[in-house]
Amino acid sequence: MQLNGLIYSFPKEIKLLFAAFIIVLSVGFYTGLLFVGETSSVNPKGIEEQYLGNEDNEEATIMKFKKSDKEMLSIVHSHILSMSLIFFLIGLILSTTKLNYKIKLFLITEPFVSVILTFGGLYLLWKGVLWIKYIVMISGILMTLSYSVSVIIILKQLLLSKKTN
């Protein structure tokens, strides 16, 4: 079955369903990023403090404590499960777009690698592997870029007719 470009042949109601899903999903995704920005300062030191605490930092304006076992397992578990479903659904829709095979393959697979590196990395950071905070930050950025590029491609192709391509 030829998937490349199949998105253009979907009925209008399926295109509308996919577009609505992607828009609402994106509101949730980017709201989550705002939360990350508010809680970890989006830098390696902020990431470390969010999970390991900052009780020993006398200059800290907001006191943070090391996450408990239950908190970390809940964060890792819920994020890996939910993000894998998000990227599975985005990947399914993206697979029907008209796009270079290698770029499409990268955009479909990269987020899964980043999910493991980001949330597995947070767990390793919490366990004391401090250098992993840089991997967490880079993989989080890559995951966000992959998501954003995929969504733009999908929405553009859902809203354009095949004749314009």
Protein backbone atom coordinates (compact mmCIF):
# COMPACT_ATOMS: atom_id res chain seq x y z
CA MET A 1 0.00 0.00 0.00
CA GLN A 2 1.35 3.41 -0.97
CA LEU A 3 1.14 5.78 2.02
CA ASN A 4 3.18 8.70 0.71
CA GLY A 5 0.69 11.46 -0.12
CA LEU A 6 -2.38 9.48 0.95
CA ILE A 7 -3.37 12.37 3.23
CA TYR A 8 -4.56 14.35 0.19
CA SER A 9 -7.16 11.71 -0.67
CA PHE A 10 -8.78 11.58 2.78
CA PRO A 11 -12.43 12.68 2.96
CA LYS A 12 -13.03 16.18 4.25
CA GLU A 13 -14.43 14.95 7.59
CA ILE A 14 -11.30 12.84 8.28
CA LYS A 15 -9.08 15.82 7.45
CA LEU A 16 -11.15 17.95 9.83
CA LEU A 17 -10.90 15.28 12.55
CA PHE A 18 -7.11 15.06 12.17
CA ALA A 19 -6.70 18.85 12.12
CA ALA A 20 -8.85 19.31 15.23
CA PHE A 21 -6.97 16.51 17.01
CA ILE A 22 -3.57 18.01 16.13
CA ILE A 23 -4.58 21.51 17.20
CA VAL A 24 -6.00 20.40 20.56
CA LEU A 25 -3.06 18.04 21.14
CA SER A 26 -0.67 20.89 20.41
CA VAL A 27 -2.38 23.15 22.96
CA GLY A 28 -1.73 20.44 25.55
CA PHE A 29 1.83 19.76 24.35
CA TYR A 30 2.91 23.41 24.38
CA THR A 31 1.14 24.05 27.71
CA GLY A 32 3.31 21.24 29.11
CA LEU A 33 6.37 23.06 27.79
CA LEU A 34 5.25 26.23 29.56
CA PHE A 35 5.01 24.21 32.76
CA VAL A 36 8.56 22.89 32.24
CA GLY A 37 9.74 26.47 31.74
CA GLU A 38 8.09 27.56 34.97
CA THR A 39 9.41 24.69 37.07
CA SER A 40 12.94 24.01 35.82
CA SER A 41 14.21 27.25 34.27
CA VAL A 42 14.95 25.26 31.05
CA ASN A 43 18.66 24.99 31.76
CA PRO A 44 20.85 22.16 33.11
CA LYS A 45 21.03 23.59 36.64
CA GLY A 46 17.26 24.14 36.73
CA ILE A 47 16.62 20.59 35.55
CA GLU A 48 18.92 19.23 38.25
CA GLU A 49 17.27 21.33 40.99
CA GLN A 50 13.77 20.29 39.89
CA TYR A 51 14.50 16.61 40.60
CA LEU A 52 17.31 16.69 43.17
CA GLY A 53 16.23 19.75 45.11
CA ASN A 54 18.14 22.88 46.08
CA GLU A 55 18.10 22.74 49.87
CA ASP A 56 21.86 23.41 50.02
CA ASN A 57 21.60 26.57 47.87
CA GLU A 58 21.28 29.49 50.29
CA GLU A 59 20.56 31.91 47.42
CA ALA A 60 17.55 29.96 46.11
CA THR A 61 14.38 32.05 46.01
CA ILE A 62 12.12 28.98 45.84
CA MET A 63 12.99 25.96 47.97
CA LYS A 64 12.82 22.65 46.10
CA PHE A 65 13.25 19.19 47.58
CA LYS A 66 14.47 15.95 46.02
CA LYS A 67 11.61 13.98 44.46
CA SER A 68 10.54 10.83 46.27
CA ASP A 69 10.65 7.34 44.75
CA LYS A 70 6.90 7.46 44.12
CA GLU A 71 7.05 10.91 42.50
CA MET A 72 9.85 9.91 40.13
CA LEU A 73 8.26 6.63 39.14
CA SER A 74 4.96 8.42 38.54
CA ILE A 75 6.60 11.13 36.42
CA VAL A 76 8.62 8.67 34.33
CA HIS A 77 5.77 6.16 33.96
CA SER A 78 3.07 8.65 33.01
CA HIS A 79 5.24 10.65 30.63
CA ILE A 80 6.66 7.65 28.77
CA LEU A 81 3.20 6.12 28.32
CA SER A 82 1.43 9.32 27.29
CA MET A 83 4.23 10.62 25.07
CA SER A 84 4.57 7.27 23.30
CA LEU A 85 0.84 7.38 22.45
CA ILE A 86 1.10 10.99 21.30
CA PHE A 87 4.03 10.22 19.01
CA PHE A 88 2.45 7.01 17.76
CA LEU A 89 -0.65 8.89 16.63
CA ILE A 90 1.35 11.77 15.15
CA GLY A 91 3.57 9.20 13.39
CA LEU A 92 0.55 7.42 11.92
CA ILE A 93 -0.82 10.62 10.48
CA LEU A 94 2.64 11.78 9.35
CA SER A 95 3.16 8.46 7.53
CA THR A 96 0.37 9.47 5.13
CA THR A 97 1.94 12.81 4.20
CA LYS A 98 3.87 13.45 1.00
CA LEU A 99 7.43 13.77 2.25
CA ASN A 100 10.94 12.52 1.56
CA TYR A 101 11.22 8.99 2.99
CA LYS A 102 14.35 9.64 5.10
CA ILE A 103 12.94 12.83 6.60
CA LYS A 104 9.64 11.09 7.32
CA LEU A 105 11.43 8.13 8.92
CA PHE A 106 13.47 10.47 11.11
CA LEU A 107 10.40 12.45 12.23
CA ILE A 108 8.52 9.24 13.02
CA THR A 109 11.31 7.54 15.01
CA GLU A 110 13.23 10.39 16.65
CA PRO A 111 10.56 11.33 19.21
CA PHE A 112 10.56 7.77 20.62
CA VAL A 113 14.32 7.90 21.13
CA SER A 114 13.98 11.32 22.74
CA VAL A 115 11.20 10.16 25.06
CA ILE A 116 13.44 7.39 26.41
CA LEU A 117 16.48 9.68 26.65
CA THR A 118 14.53 12.51 28.27
CA PHE A 119 12.54 10.61 30.87
CA GLY A 120 15.00 7.77 31.35
CA GLY A 121 17.61 10.50 31.69
CA LEU A 122 15.57 12.27 34.36
CA TYR A 123 15.44 9.02 36.31
CA LEU A 124 19.22 8.56 35.96
CA LEU A 125 19.74 12.19 37.02
CA TRP A 126 17.61 11.57 40.08
CA LYS A 127 19.76 8.48 40.81
CA GLY A 128 22.87 10.69 40.78
CA VAL A 129 24.17 10.57 37.18
CA LEU A 130 24.53 14.36 37.02
CA TRP A 131 26.02 14.71 33.51
CA ILE A 132 22.84 13.23 31.99
CA LYS A 133 21.06 16.57 32.53
CA TYR A 134 22.69 17.78 29.28
CA ILE A 135 21.34 14.75 27.39
CA VAL A 136 17.90 15.39 28.92
CA MET A 137 17.98 18.99 27.73
CA ILE A 138 19.17 18.15 24.20
CA SER A 139 16.72 15.26 23.78
CA GLY A 140 13.87 17.41 25.06
CA ILE A 141 14.72 20.08 22.50
CA LEU A 142 14.92 17.50 19.70
CA MET A 143 11.60 15.96 20.76
CA THR A 144 9.95 19.38 20.69
CA LEU A 145 11.44 20.26 17.30
CA SER A 146 10.37 16.90 15.83
CA TYR A 147 6.86 17.38 17.17
CA SER A 148 6.64 20.95 15.84
CA VAL A 149 7.95 20.11 12.36
CA SER A 150 5.64 17.08 12.12
CA VAL A 151 2.60 19.11 13.14
CA ILE A 152 3.40 21.87 10.66
CA ILE A 153 3.81 19.35 7.82
CA ILE A 154 0.58 17.54 8.72
CA LEU A 155 -1.52 20.69 9.10
CA LYS A 156 -0.12 22.19 5.89
CA GLN A 157 -0.97 19.05 3.92
CA LEU A 158 -4.39 18.67 5.53
CA LEU A 159 -5.30 22.22 4.54
CA LEU A 160 -3.88 22.13 0.99
CA SER A 161 -5.45 20.36 -1.93
CA LYS A 162 -3.38 17.90 -3.97
CA LYS A 163 -3.50 20.22 -6.96
CA THR A 164 -1.29 22.80 -5.20
CA ASN A 165 1.53 20.29 -4.71
